[in-house]
PDB file of N, CA and C in Angstrom:
ATOM      1  N   MET A   1     122.782 114.431   6.058  1.00  0.00           N
ATOM      2  CA  MET A   1     121.511 113.838   5.743  1.00  0.00           C
ATOM      3  C   MET A   1     121.448 113.319   4.311  1.00  0.00           C
ATOM      4  N   LEU A   2     122.269 113.868   3.432  1.00  0.00           N
ATOM      5  CA  LEU A   2     122.244 113.408   2.060  1.00  0.00           C
ATOM      6  C   LEU A   2     122.903 112.040   1.947  1.00  0.00           C
ATOM      7  N   PRO A   3     122.430 111.216   1.006  1.00  0.00           N
ATOM      8  CA  PRO A   3     123.050 109.907   0.829  1.00  0.00           C
ATOM      9  C   PRO A   3     124.456 110.043   0.267  1.00  0.00           C
ATOM     10  N   ASP A   4     125.283 109.028   0.522  1.00  0.00           N
ATOM     11  CA  ASP A   4     126.647 109.043   0.011  1.00  0.00           C
ATOM     12  C   ASP A   4     126.670 108.967  -1.510  1.00  0.00           C
ATOM     13  N   ASN A   5     125.623 108.372  -2.083  1.00  0.00           N
ATOM     14  CA  ASN A   5     125.588 108.181  -3.529  1.00  0.00           C
ATOM     15  C   ASN A   5     124.771 109.270  -4.219  1.00  0.00           C
ATOM     16  N   ILE A   6     124.934 110.503  -3.763  1.00  0.00           N
ATOM     17  CA  ILE A   6     124.169 111.632  -4.316  1.00  0.00           C
ATOM     18  C   ILE A   6     124.445 111.808  -5.805  1.00  0.00           C
ATOM     19  N   ASN A   7     125.593 111.412  -6.260  1.00  0.00           N
ATOM     20  CA  ASN A   7     125.947 111.602  -7.664  1.00  0.00           C
ATOM     21  C   ASN A   7     125.456 110.476  -8.557  1.00  0.00           C
ATOM     22  N   ASP A   8     124.599 109.582  -8.042  1.00  0.00           N
ATOM     23  CA  ASP A   8     124.044 108.517  -8.863  1.00  0.00           C
ATOM     24  C   ASP A   8     123.132 109.067  -9.959  1.00  0.00           C
ATOM     25  N   ILE A   9     122.514 110.204  -9.716  1.00  0.00           N
ATOM     26  CA  ILE A   9     121.700 110.846 -10.748  1.00  0.00           C
ATOM     27  C   ILE A   9     122.628 111.736 -11.560  1.00  0.00           C
ATOM     28  N   PRO A  10     122.731 111.478 -12.868  1.00  0.00           N
ATOM     29  CA  PRO A  10     123.578 112.350 -13.688  1.00  0.00           C
ATOM     30  C   PRO A  10     123.100 113.797 -13.594  1.00  0.00           C
ATOM     31  N   PRO A  11     124.012 114.743 -13.475  1.00  0.00           N
ATOM     32  CA  PRO A  11     123.625 116.148 -13.348  1.00  0.00           C
ATOM     33  C   PRO A  11     122.679 116.614 -14.446  1.00  0.00           C
ATOM     34  N   LYS A  12     122.906 116.160 -15.668  1.00  0.00           N
ATOM     35  CA  LYS A  12     122.054 116.576 -16.782  1.00  0.00           C
ATOM     36  C   LYS A  12     120.599 116.166 -16.534  1.00  0.00           C
ATOM     37  N   VAL A  13     120.403 114.980 -15.989  1.00  0.00           N
ATOM     38  CA  VAL A  13     119.050 114.495 -15.695  1.00  0.00           C
ATOM     39  C   VAL A  13     118.423 115.345 -14.600  1.00  0.00           C
ATOM     40  N   LEU A  14     119.143 115.566 -13.517  1.00  0.00           N
ATOM     41  CA  LEU A  14     118.622 116.356 -12.403  1.00  0.00           C
ATOM     42  C   LEU A  14     118.305 117.776 -12.849  1.00  0.00           C
ATOM     43  N   TYR A  15     119.224 118.397 -13.583  1.00  0.00           N
ATOM     44  CA  TYR A  15     119.014 119.770 -14.043  1.00  0.00           C
ATOM     45  C   TYR A  15     117.827 119.874 -14.981  1.00  0.00           C
ATOM     46  N   THR A  16     117.657 118.877 -15.844  1.00  0.00           N
ATOM     47  CA  THR A  16     116.523 118.884 -16.777  1.00  0.00           C
ATOM     48  C   THR A  16     115.204 118.786 -16.021  1.00  0.00           C
ATOM     49  N   ILE A  17     115.136 117.915 -15.038  1.00  0.00           N
ATOM     50  CA  ILE A  17     113.914 117.759 -14.242  1.00  0.00           C
ATOM     51  C   ILE A  17     113.597 119.057 -13.509  1.00  0.00           C
ATOM     52  N   LEU A  18     114.599 119.650 -12.882  1.00  0.00           N
ATOM     53  CA  LEU A  18     114.379 120.901 -12.159  1.00  0.00           C
ATOM     54  C   LEU A  18     113.953 122.020 -13.104  1.00  0.00           C
ATOM     55  N   LYS A  19     114.540 122.066 -14.283  1.00  0.00           N
ATOM     56  CA  LYS A  19     114.190 123.095 -15.256  1.00  0.00           C
ATOM     57  C   LYS A  19     112.742 122.936 -15.705  1.00  0.00           C
ATOM     58  N   VAL A  20     112.324 121.702 -15.977  1.00  0.00           N
ATOM     59  CA  VAL A  20     110.950 121.433 -16.390  1.00  0.00           C
ATOM     60  C   VAL A  20     109.969 121.835 -15.288  1.00  0.00           C
ATOM     61  N   LEU A  21     110.362 121.618 -14.042  1.00  0.00           N
ATOM     62  CA  LEU A  21     109.509 121.972 -12.906  1.00  0.00           C
ATOM     63  C   LEU A  21     109.563 123.470 -12.584  1.00  0.00           C
ATOM     64  N   GLY A  22     110.428 124.199 -13.259  1.00  0.00           N
ATOM     65  CA  GLY A  22     110.539 125.637 -13.033  1.00  0.00           C
ATOM     66  C   GLY A  22     111.250 125.987 -11.743  1.00  0.00           C
ATOM     67  N   ILE A  23     112.181 125.127 -11.328  1.00  0.00           N
ATOM     68  CA  ILE A  23     112.913 125.323 -10.074  1.00  0.00           C
ATOM     69  C   ILE A  23     114.322 125.820 -10.402  1.00  0.00           C
ATOM     70  N   ASP A  24     114.746 126.877  -9.722  1.00  0.00           N
ATOM     71  CA  ASP A  24     116.094 127.413  -9.905  1.00  0.00           C
ATOM     72  C   ASP A  24     117.105 126.386  -9.402  1.00  0.00           C
ATOM     73  N   ILE A  25     118.007 125.988 -10.278  1.00  0.00           N
ATOM     74  CA  ILE A  25     118.962 124.918  -9.964  1.00  0.00           C
ATOM     75  C   ILE A  25     119.902 125.321  -8.827  1.00  0.00           C
ATOM     76  N   GLY A  26     120.442 126.534  -8.894  1.00  0.00           N
ATOM     77  CA  GLY A  26     121.382 126.997  -7.868  1.00  0.00           C
ATOM     78  C   GLY A  26     120.742 127.071  -6.495  1.00  0.00           C
ATOM     79  N   GLU A  27     119.547 127.631  -6.449  1.00  0.00           N
ATOM     80  CA  GLU A  27     118.844 127.744  -5.171  1.00  0.00           C
ATOM     81  C   GLU A  27     118.491 126.362  -4.617  1.00  0.00           C
ATOM     82  N   PHE A  28     118.053 125.464  -5.501  1.00  0.00           N
ATOM     83  CA  PHE A  28     117.712 124.107  -5.078  1.00  0.00           C
ATOM     84  C   PHE A  28     118.930 123.410  -4.476  1.00  0.00           C
ATOM     85  N   MET A  29     120.060 123.484  -5.184  1.00  0.00           N
ATOM     86  CA  MET A  29     121.255 122.793  -4.705  1.00  0.00           C
ATOM     87  C   MET A  29     121.752 123.396  -3.399  1.00  0.00           C
ATOM     88  N   CYS A  30     121.679 124.717  -3.266  1.00  0.00           N
ATOM     89  CA  CYS A  30     122.099 125.376  -2.029  1.00  0.00           C
ATOM     90  C   CYS A  30     121.241 124.890  -0.863  1.00  0.00           C
ATOM     91  N   LYS A  31     119.935 124.884  -1.059  1.00  0.00           N
ATOM     92  CA  LYS A  31     119.034 124.435   0.003  1.00  0.00           C
ATOM     93  C   LYS A  31     119.210 122.950   0.284  1.00  0.00           C
ATOM     94  N   LEU A  32     119.431 122.152  -0.760  1.00  0.00           N
ATOM     95  CA  LEU A  32     119.636 120.713  -0.588  1.00  0.00           C
ATOM     96  C   LEU A  32     120.881 120.451   0.256  1.00  0.00           C
ATOM     97  N   LEU A  33     121.961 121.131  -0.061  1.00  0.00           N
ATOM     98  CA  LEU A  33     123.208 120.921   0.678  1.00  0.00           C
ATOM     99  C   LEU A  33     123.160 121.492   2.091  1.00  0.00           C
ATOM    100  N   ASN A  34     122.183 122.375   2.357  1.00  0.00           N
ATOM    101  CA  ASN A  34     121.978 122.899   3.708  1.00  0.00           C
ATOM    102  C   ASN A  34     120.863 122.151   4.438  1.00  0.00           C
ATOM    103  N   ASP A  35     120.517 120.980   3.921  1.00  0.00           N
ATOM    104  CA  ASP A  35     119.555 120.068   4.555  1.00  0.00           C
ATOM    105  C   ASP A  35     118.149 120.646   4.713  1.00  0.00           C
ATOM    106  N   SER A  36     117.683 121.386   3.711  1.00  0.00           N
ATOM    107  CA  SER A  36     116.314 121.886   3.731  1.00  0.00           C
ATOM    108  C   SER A  36     115.369 120.700   3.508  1.00  0.00           C
ATOM    109  N   PRO A  37     114.413 120.476   4.416  1.00  0.00           N
ATOM    110  CA  PRO A  37     113.527 119.302   4.303  1.00  0.00           C
ATOM    111  C   PRO A  37     112.782 119.200   2.973  1.00  0.00           C
ATOM    112  N   LYS A  38     112.288 120.319   2.462  1.00  0.00           N
ATOM    113  CA  LYS A  38     111.538 120.293   1.197  1.00  0.00           C
ATOM    114  C   LYS A  38     112.422 119.810   0.049  1.00  0.00           C
ATOM    115  N   GLU A  39     113.616 120.336  -0.049  1.00  0.00           N
ATOM    116  CA  GLU A  39     114.519 119.960  -1.133  1.00  0.00           C
ATOM    117  C   GLU A  39     115.020 118.524  -0.967  1.00  0.00           C
ATOM    118  N   ILE A  40     115.210 118.100   0.273  1.00  0.00           N
ATOM    119  CA  ILE A  40     115.619 116.708   0.502  1.00  0.00           C
ATOM    120  C   ILE A  40     114.526 115.757   0.032  1.00  0.00           C
ATOM    121  N   MET A  41     113.279 116.074   0.339  1.00  0.00           N
ATOM    122  CA  MET A  41     112.159 115.228  -0.094  1.00  0.00           C
ATOM    123  C   MET A  41     112.033 115.234  -1.617  1.00  0.00           C
ATOM    124  N   MET A  42     112.207 116.381  -2.225  1.00  0.00           N
ATOM    125  CA  MET A  42     112.136 116.457  -3.689  1.00  0.00           C
ATOM    126  C   MET A  42     113.252 115.631  -4.324  1.00  0.00           C
ATOM    127  N   TYR A  43     114.447 115.767  -3.788  1.00  0.00           N
ATOM    128  CA  TYR A  43     115.571 115.000  -4.325  1.00  0.00           C
ATOM    129  C   TYR A  43     115.333 113.500  -4.136  1.00  0.00           C
ATOM    130  N   ALA A  44     114.809 113.118  -2.976  1.00  0.00           N
ATOM    131  CA  ALA A  44     114.543 111.707  -2.707  1.00  0.00           C
ATOM    132  C   ALA A  44     113.530 111.139  -3.699  1.00  0.00           C
ATOM    133  N   LYS A  45     112.508 111.916  -4.020  1.00  0.00           N
ATOM    134  CA  LYS A  45     111.504 111.457  -4.990  1.00  0.00           C
ATOM    135  C   LYS A  45     112.110 111.340  -6.385  1.00  0.00           C
ATOM    136  N   ILE A  46     112.896 112.346  -6.784  1.00  0.00           N
ATOM    137  CA  ILE A  46     113.563 112.296  -8.086  1.00  0.00           C
ATOM    138  C   ILE A  46     114.506 111.098  -8.135  1.00  0.00           C
ATOM    139  N   TYR A  47     115.257 110.892  -7.065  1.00  0.00           N
ATOM    140  CA  TYR A  47     116.203 109.773  -6.985  1.00  0.00           C
ATOM    141  C   TYR A  47     115.483 108.432  -7.096  1.00  0.00           C
ATOM    142  N   ALA A  48     114.365 108.287  -6.369  1.00  0.00           N
ATOM    143  CA  ALA A  48     113.615 107.031  -6.393  1.00  0.00           C
ATOM    144  C   ALA A  48     113.072 106.752  -7.795  1.00  0.00           C
ATOM    145  N   LEU A  49     112.514 107.767  -8.425  1.00  0.00           N
ATOM    146  CA  LEU A  49     111.985 107.584  -9.784  1.00  0.00           C
ATOM    147  C   LEU A  49     113.097 107.263 -10.776  1.00  0.00           C
ATOM    148  N   TYR A  50     114.223 107.921 -10.639  1.00  0.00           N
ATOM    149  CA  TYR A  50     115.353 107.663 -11.526  1.00  0.00           C
ATOM    150  C   TYR A  50     115.872 106.229 -11.349  1.00  0.00           C
ATOM    151  N   MET A  51     116.001 105.793 -10.108  1.00  0.00           N
ATOM    152  CA  MET A  51     116.502 104.437  -9.851  1.00  0.00           C
ATOM    153  C   MET A  51     115.521 103.385 -10.341  1.00  0.00           C
ATOM    154  N   MET A  52     114.209 103.639 -10.209  1.00  0.00           N
ATOM    155  CA  MET A  52     113.214 102.696 -10.730  1.00  0.00           C
ATOM    156  C   MET A  52     113.344 102.584 -12.246  1.00  0.00           C
ATOM    157  N   GLN A  53     113.538 103.716 -12.917  1.00  0.00           N
ATOM    158  CA  GLN A  53     113.677 103.726 -14.364  1.00  0.00           C
ATOM    159  C   GLN A  53     114.949 102.998 -14.790  1.00  0.00           C
ATOM    160  N   GLU A  54     116.029 103.181 -14.053  1.00  0.00           N
ATOM    161  CA  GLU A  54     117.292 102.530 -14.357  1.00  0.00           C
ATOM    162  C   GLU A  54     117.188 101.008 -14.219  1.00  0.00           C
ATOM    163  N   GLN A  55     116.429 100.532 -13.255  1.00  0.00           N
ATOM    164  CA  GLN A  55     116.293  99.094 -13.039  1.00  0.00           C
ATOM    165  C   GLN A  55     115.469  98.438 -14.132  1.00  0.00           C
ATOM    166  N   GLN A  56     114.592  99.206 -14.774  1.00  0.00           N
ATOM    167  CA  GLN A  56     113.768  98.659 -15.832  1.00  0.00           C
ATOM    168  C   GLN A  56     114.546  98.472 -17.131  1.00  0.00           C
ATOM    169  N   CYS A  57     115.630  99.205 -17.288  1.00  0.00           N
ATOM    170  CA  CYS A  57     116.428  99.123 -18.528  1.00  0.00           C
ATOM    171  C   CYS A  57     117.266  97.885 -18.592  1.00  0.00           C
TER     172      CYS A  57
END
């Protein structure tokens, strides 16, 4: 279910966002890789916002 380009978001950016949101990085990644719907939606939103920001630069 994950996109092939999952590594388009630099890890430092993803980890910083998760840390600010108070989300455990290890647990998030485990659930994401096990196709948990909540984590997939969160990642998709982070990915969309990151890609929008990248296009503006």
